[in-house]
Amino acid sequence: MAEYEVDTRADEDDIAPFLRVPIEELRRQVYESYEGWLRGERTYTTDEIKKMRPEWT
């Protein structure tokens, strides 16, 4: 028989921040980003984001 640990607030600290966001919020962000892309708003490639990452910290 397997025993499972009860979820606690301490367990949540181990979860990546983007996984703590409700799925509805993630969907809204994706749709908003996609609609912006359709309007021609500036988006960044993965390589551009990797280059910018050190500036964020």
PDB file of N, CA and C in Angstrom:
ATOM      1  N   MET A   1       0.843  -1.182   0.000  1.00  0.00           N
ATOM      2  CA  MET A   1       0.000   0.000   0.000  1.00  0.00           C
ATOM      3  C   MET A   1       0.888   1.245   0.000  1.00  0.00           C
ATOM      4  N   ALA A   2       0.598   2.167  -0.894  1.00  0.00           N
ATOM      5  CA  ALA A   2       1.387   3.387  -1.004  1.00  0.00           C
ATOM      6  C   ALA A   2       0.805   4.461  -0.100  1.00  0.00           C
ATOM      7  N   GLU A   3       1.691   5.219   0.506  1.00  0.00           N
ATOM      8  CA  GLU A   3       1.258   6.336   1.340  1.00  0.00           C
ATOM      9  C   GLU A   3       1.594   7.623   0.619  1.00  0.00           C
ATOM     10  N   TYR A   4       0.672   8.559   0.665  1.00  0.00           N
ATOM     11  CA  TYR A   4       0.883   9.825  -0.008  1.00  0.00           C
ATOM     12  C   TYR A   4       0.893  10.943   1.018  1.00  0.00           C
ATOM     13  N   GLU A   5       1.771  11.868   0.792  1.00  0.00           N
ATOM     14  CA  GLU A   5       1.909  13.013   1.675  1.00  0.00           C
ATOM     15  C   GLU A   5       0.784  14.010   1.403  1.00  0.00           C
ATOM     16  N   VAL A   6       0.292  14.633   2.439  1.00  0.00           N
ATOM     17  CA  VAL A   6      -0.747  15.648   2.299  1.00  0.00           C
ATOM     18  C   VAL A   6      -0.116  16.901   1.702  1.00  0.00           C
ATOM     19  N   ASP A   7      -0.800  17.502   0.725  1.00  0.00           N
ATOM     20  CA  ASP A   7      -0.286  18.737   0.131  1.00  0.00           C
ATOM     21  C   ASP A   7      -0.233  19.837   1.174  1.00  0.00           C
ATOM     22  N   THR A   8       0.844  20.551   1.186  1.00  0.00           N
ATOM     23  CA  THR A   8       1.019  21.666   2.117  1.00  0.00           C
ATOM     24  C   THR A   8       1.508  22.881   1.357  1.00  0.00           C
ATOM     25  N   ARG A   9       1.491  24.012   2.016  1.00  0.00           N
ATOM     26  CA  ARG A   9       2.000  25.249   1.414  1.00  0.00           C
ATOM     27  C   ARG A   9       3.479  25.094   1.081  1.00  0.00           C
ATOM     28  N   ALA A  10       4.221  24.364   1.874  1.00  0.00           N
ATOM     29  CA  ALA A  10       5.641  24.149   1.606  1.00  0.00           C
ATOM     30  C   ALA A  10       5.840  23.425   0.288  1.00  0.00           C
ATOM     31  N   ASP A  11       4.930  22.520  -0.053  1.00  0.00           N
ATOM     32  CA  ASP A  11       5.042  21.805  -1.323  1.00  0.00           C
ATOM     33  C   ASP A  11       4.866  22.755  -2.500  1.00  0.00           C
ATOM     34  N   GLU A  12       4.039  23.759  -2.327  1.00  0.00           N
ATOM     35  CA  GLU A  12       3.775  24.695  -3.411  1.00  0.00           C
ATOM     36  C   GLU A  12       5.010  25.518  -3.757  1.00  0.00           C
ATOM     37  N   ASP A  13       5.934  25.694  -2.812  1.00  0.00           N
ATOM     38  CA  ASP A  13       7.148  26.459  -3.086  1.00  0.00           C
ATOM     39  C   ASP A  13       8.037  25.750  -4.089  1.00  0.00           C
ATOM     40  N   ASP A  14       7.857  24.450  -4.238  1.00  0.00           N
ATOM     41  CA  ASP A  14       8.655  23.680  -5.190  1.00  0.00           C
ATOM     42  C   ASP A  14       8.079  23.717  -6.597  1.00  0.00           C
ATOM     43  N   ILE A  15       6.921  24.311  -6.768  1.00  0.00           N
ATOM     44  CA  ILE A  15       6.242  24.334  -8.061  1.00  0.00           C
ATOM     45  C   ILE A  15       6.683  25.572  -8.838  1.00  0.00           C
ATOM     46  N   ALA A  16       6.931  25.393 -10.123  1.00  0.00           N
ATOM     47  CA  ALA A  16       7.295  26.526 -10.969  1.00  0.00           C
ATOM     48  C   ALA A  16       6.184  27.575 -10.912  1.00  0.00           C
ATOM     49  N   PRO A  17       6.549  28.863 -10.847  1.00  0.00           N
ATOM     50  CA  PRO A  17       5.529  29.915 -10.704  1.00  0.00           C
ATOM     51  C   PRO A  17       4.435  29.878 -11.773  1.00  0.00           C
ATOM     52  N   PHE A  18       4.797  29.555 -13.021  1.00  0.00           N
ATOM     53  CA  PHE A  18       3.771  29.571 -14.065  1.00  0.00           C
ATOM     54  C   PHE A  18       2.772  28.444 -13.896  1.00  0.00           C
ATOM     55  N   LEU A  19       3.108  27.421 -13.112  1.00  0.00           N
ATOM     56  CA  LEU A  19       2.167  26.330 -12.883  1.00  0.00           C
ATOM     57  C   LEU A  19       1.172  26.662 -11.772  1.00  0.00           C
ATOM     58  N   ARG A  20       1.434  27.714 -11.004  1.00  0.00           N
ATOM     59  CA  ARG A  20       0.515  28.121  -9.942  1.00  0.00           C
ATOM     60  C   ARG A  20      -0.626  28.971 -10.481  1.00  0.00           C
ATOM     61  N   VAL A  21      -0.506  29.421 -11.736  1.00  0.00           N
ATOM     62  CA  VAL A  21      -1.523  30.267 -12.354  1.00  0.00           C
ATOM     63  C   VAL A  21      -2.675  29.387 -12.825  1.00  0.00           C
ATOM     64  N   PRO A  22      -3.915  29.795 -12.573  1.00  0.00           N
ATOM     65  CA  PRO A  22      -5.056  29.006 -13.051  1.00  0.00           C
ATOM     66  C   PRO A  22      -5.029  28.875 -14.574  1.00  0.00           C
ATOM     67  N   ILE A  23      -5.514  27.775 -15.076  1.00  0.00           N
ATOM     68  CA  ILE A  23      -5.492  27.506 -16.516  1.00  0.00           C
ATOM     69  C   ILE A  23      -6.248  28.578 -17.296  1.00  0.00           C
ATOM     70  N   GLU A  24      -7.284  29.143 -16.720  1.00  0.00           N
ATOM     71  CA  GLU A  24      -8.033  30.199 -17.400  1.00  0.00           C
ATOM     72  C   GLU A  24      -7.158  31.418 -17.647  1.00  0.00           C
ATOM     73  N   GLU A  25      -6.316  31.749 -16.674  1.00  0.00           N
ATOM     74  CA  GLU A  25      -5.403  32.887 -16.813  1.00  0.00           C
ATOM     75  C   GLU A  25      -4.354  32.595 -17.880  1.00  0.00           C
ATOM     76  N   LEU A  26      -3.827  31.375 -17.913  1.00  0.00           N
ATOM     77  CA  LEU A  26      -2.856  31.010 -18.936  1.00  0.00           C
ATOM     78  C   LEU A  26      -3.473  31.091 -20.330  1.00  0.00           C
ATOM     79  N   ARG A  27      -4.707  30.621 -20.462  1.00  0.00           N
ATOM     80  CA  ARG A  27      -5.397  30.712 -21.752  1.00  0.00           C
ATOM     81  C   ARG A  27      -5.578  32.169 -22.169  1.00  0.00           C
ATOM     82  N   ARG A  28      -5.968  33.016 -21.225  1.00  0.00           N
ATOM     83  CA  ARG A  28      -6.159  34.429 -21.530  1.00  0.00           C
ATOM     84  C   ARG A  28      -4.853  35.038 -22.035  1.00  0.00           C
ATOM     85  N   GLN A  29      -3.742  34.711 -21.376  1.00  0.00           N
ATOM     86  CA  GLN A  29      -2.448  35.249 -21.789  1.00  0.00           C
ATOM     87  C   GLN A  29      -2.066  34.773 -23.188  1.00  0.00           C
ATOM     88  N   VAL A  30      -2.323  33.504 -23.472  1.00  0.00           N
ATOM     89  CA  VAL A  30      -1.993  32.968 -24.793  1.00  0.00           C
ATOM     90  C   VAL A  30      -2.838  33.636 -25.867  1.00  0.00           C
ATOM     91  N   TYR A  31      -4.144  33.730 -25.637  1.00  0.00           N
ATOM     92  CA  TYR A  31      -5.019  34.367 -26.625  1.00  0.00           C
ATOM     93  C   TYR A  31      -4.654  35.832 -26.821  1.00  0.00           C
ATOM     94  N   GLU A  32      -4.353  36.519 -25.742  1.00  0.00           N
ATOM     95  CA  GLU A  32      -3.979  37.927 -25.828  1.00  0.00           C
ATOM     96  C   GLU A  32      -2.693  38.087 -26.642  1.00  0.00           C
ATOM     97  N   SER A  33      -1.726  37.226 -26.394  1.00  0.00           N
ATOM     98  CA  SER A  33      -0.473  37.273 -27.129  1.00  0.00           C
ATOM     99  C   SER A  33      -0.697  36.972 -28.609  1.00  0.00           C
ATOM    100  N   TYR A  34      -1.507  35.970 -28.889  1.00  0.00           N
ATOM    101  CA  TYR A  34      -1.781  35.586 -30.274  1.00  0.00           C
ATOM    102  C   TYR A  34      -2.513  36.705 -31.012  1.00  0.00           C
ATOM    103  N   GLU A  35      -3.490  37.312 -30.362  1.00  0.00           N
ATOM    104  CA  GLU A  35      -4.228  38.400 -30.988  1.00  0.00           C
ATOM    105  C   GLU A  35      -3.314  39.594 -31.252  1.00  0.00           C
ATOM    106  N   GLY A  36      -2.384  39.849 -30.326  1.00  0.00           N
ATOM    107  CA  GLY A  36      -1.405  40.910 -30.543  1.00  0.00           C
ATOM    108  C   GLY A  36      -0.520  40.601 -31.736  1.00  0.00           C
ATOM    109  N   TRP A  37      -0.127  39.349 -31.863  1.00  0.00           N
ATOM    110  CA  TRP A  37       0.690  38.933 -33.004  1.00  0.00           C
ATOM    111  C   TRP A  37      -0.079  39.134 -34.308  1.00  0.00           C
ATOM    112  N   LEU A  38      -1.376  38.806 -34.309  1.00  0.00           N
ATOM    113  CA  LEU A  38      -2.187  39.005 -35.505  1.00  0.00           C
ATOM    114  C   LEU A  38      -2.289  40.489 -35.882  1.00  0.00           C
ATOM    115  N   ARG A  39      -2.283  41.358 -34.859  1.00  0.00           N
ATOM    116  CA  ARG A  39      -2.350  42.809 -35.117  1.00  0.00           C
ATOM    117  C   ARG A  39      -0.998  43.368 -35.540  1.00  0.00           C
ATOM    118  N   GLY A  40       0.045  42.536 -35.508  1.00  0.00           N
ATOM    119  CA  GLY A  40       1.371  42.990 -35.928  1.00  0.00           C
ATOM    120  C   GLY A  40       2.199  43.564 -34.804  1.00  0.00           C
ATOM    121  N   GLU A  41       1.774  43.349 -33.558  1.00  0.00           N
ATOM    122  CA  GLU A  41       2.565  43.838 -32.432  1.00  0.00           C
ATOM    123  C   GLU A  41       3.869  43.053 -32.350  1.00  0.00           C
ATOM    124  N   ARG A  42       4.876  43.679 -31.803  1.00  0.00           N
ATOM    125  CA  ARG A  42       6.214  43.091 -31.735  1.00  0.00           C
ATOM    126  C   ARG A  42       6.227  41.856 -30.853  1.00  0.00           C
ATOM    127  N   THR A  43       6.796  40.780 -31.372  1.00  0.00           N
ATOM    128  CA  THR A  43       7.027  39.570 -30.583  1.00  0.00           C
ATOM    129  C   THR A  43       8.508  39.249 -30.659  1.00  0.00           C
ATOM    130  N   TYR A  44       8.985  38.390 -29.783  1.00  0.00           N
ATOM    131  CA  TYR A  44      10.395  38.062 -29.714  1.00  0.00           C
ATOM    132  C   TYR A  44      10.620  36.583 -29.995  1.00  0.00           C
ATOM    133  N   THR A  45      11.743  36.278 -30.631  1.00  0.00           N
ATOM    134  CA  THR A  45      12.108  34.886 -30.861  1.00  0.00           C
ATOM    135  C   THR A  45      12.705  34.317 -29.578  1.00  0.00           C
ATOM    136  N   THR A  46      12.811  33.014 -29.522  1.00  0.00           N
ATOM    137  CA  THR A  46      13.409  32.367 -28.354  1.00  0.00           C
ATOM    138  C   THR A  46      14.836  32.845 -28.141  1.00  0.00           C
ATOM    139  N   ASP A  47      15.595  32.989 -29.214  1.00  0.00           N
ATOM    140  CA  ASP A  47      16.981  33.457 -29.092  1.00  0.00           C
ATOM    141  C   ASP A  47      17.051  34.875 -28.541  1.00  0.00           C
ATOM    142  N   GLU A  48      16.142  35.746 -28.996  1.00  0.00           N
ATOM    143  CA  GLU A  48      16.118  37.115 -28.484  1.00  0.00           C
ATOM    144  C   GLU A  48      15.804  37.133 -26.988  1.00  0.00           C
ATOM    145  N   ILE A  49      14.884  36.296 -26.576  1.00  0.00           N
ATOM    146  CA  ILE A  49      14.515  36.235 -25.159  1.00  0.00           C
ATOM    147  C   ILE A  49      15.690  35.733 -24.327  1.00  0.00           C
ATOM    148  N   LYS A  50      16.402  34.730 -24.815  1.00  0.00           N
ATOM    149  CA  LYS A  50      17.571  34.206 -24.089  1.00  0.00           C
ATOM    150  C   LYS A  50      18.627  35.286 -23.923  1.00  0.00           C
ATOM    151  N   LYS A  51      18.806  36.136 -24.934  1.00  0.00           N
ATOM    152  CA  LYS A  51      19.782  37.222 -24.846  1.00  0.00           C
ATOM    153  C   LYS A  51      19.336  38.294 -23.867  1.00  0.00           C
ATOM    154  N   MET A  52      18.025  38.518 -23.758  1.00  0.00           N
ATOM    155  CA  MET A  52      17.494  39.547 -22.877  1.00  0.00           C
ATOM    156  C   MET A  52      17.436  39.099 -21.419  1.00  0.00           C
ATOM    157  N   ARG A  53      17.396  37.800 -21.174  1.00  0.00           N
ATOM    158  CA  ARG A  53      17.195  37.250 -19.833  1.00  0.00           C
ATOM    159  C   ARG A  53      18.163  37.827 -18.792  1.00  0.00           C
ATOM    160  N   PRO A  54      19.484  37.956 -19.083  1.00  0.00           N
ATOM    161  CA  PRO A  54      20.376  38.533 -18.047  1.00  0.00           C
ATOM    162  C   PRO A  54      20.006  39.946 -17.625  1.00  0.00           C
ATOM    163  N   GLU A  55      19.369  40.700 -18.517  1.00  0.00           N
ATOM    164  CA  GLU A  55      18.960  42.056 -18.180  1.00  0.00           C
ATOM    165  C   GLU A  55      17.826  42.064 -17.157  1.00  0.00           C
ATOM    166  N   TRP A  56      17.044  40.997 -17.080  1.00  0.00           N
ATOM    167  CA  TRP A  56      15.899  40.946 -16.185  1.00  0.00           C
ATOM    168  C   TRP A  56      16.300  40.699 -14.747  1.00  0.00           C
ATOM    169  N   THR A  57      17.491  40.143 -14.525  1.00  0.00           N
ATOM    170  CA  THR A  57      17.878  39.809 -13.142  1.00  0.00           C
ATOM    171  C   THR A  57      18.725  40.879 -12.526  1.00  0.00           C
TER     172      THR A  57
END
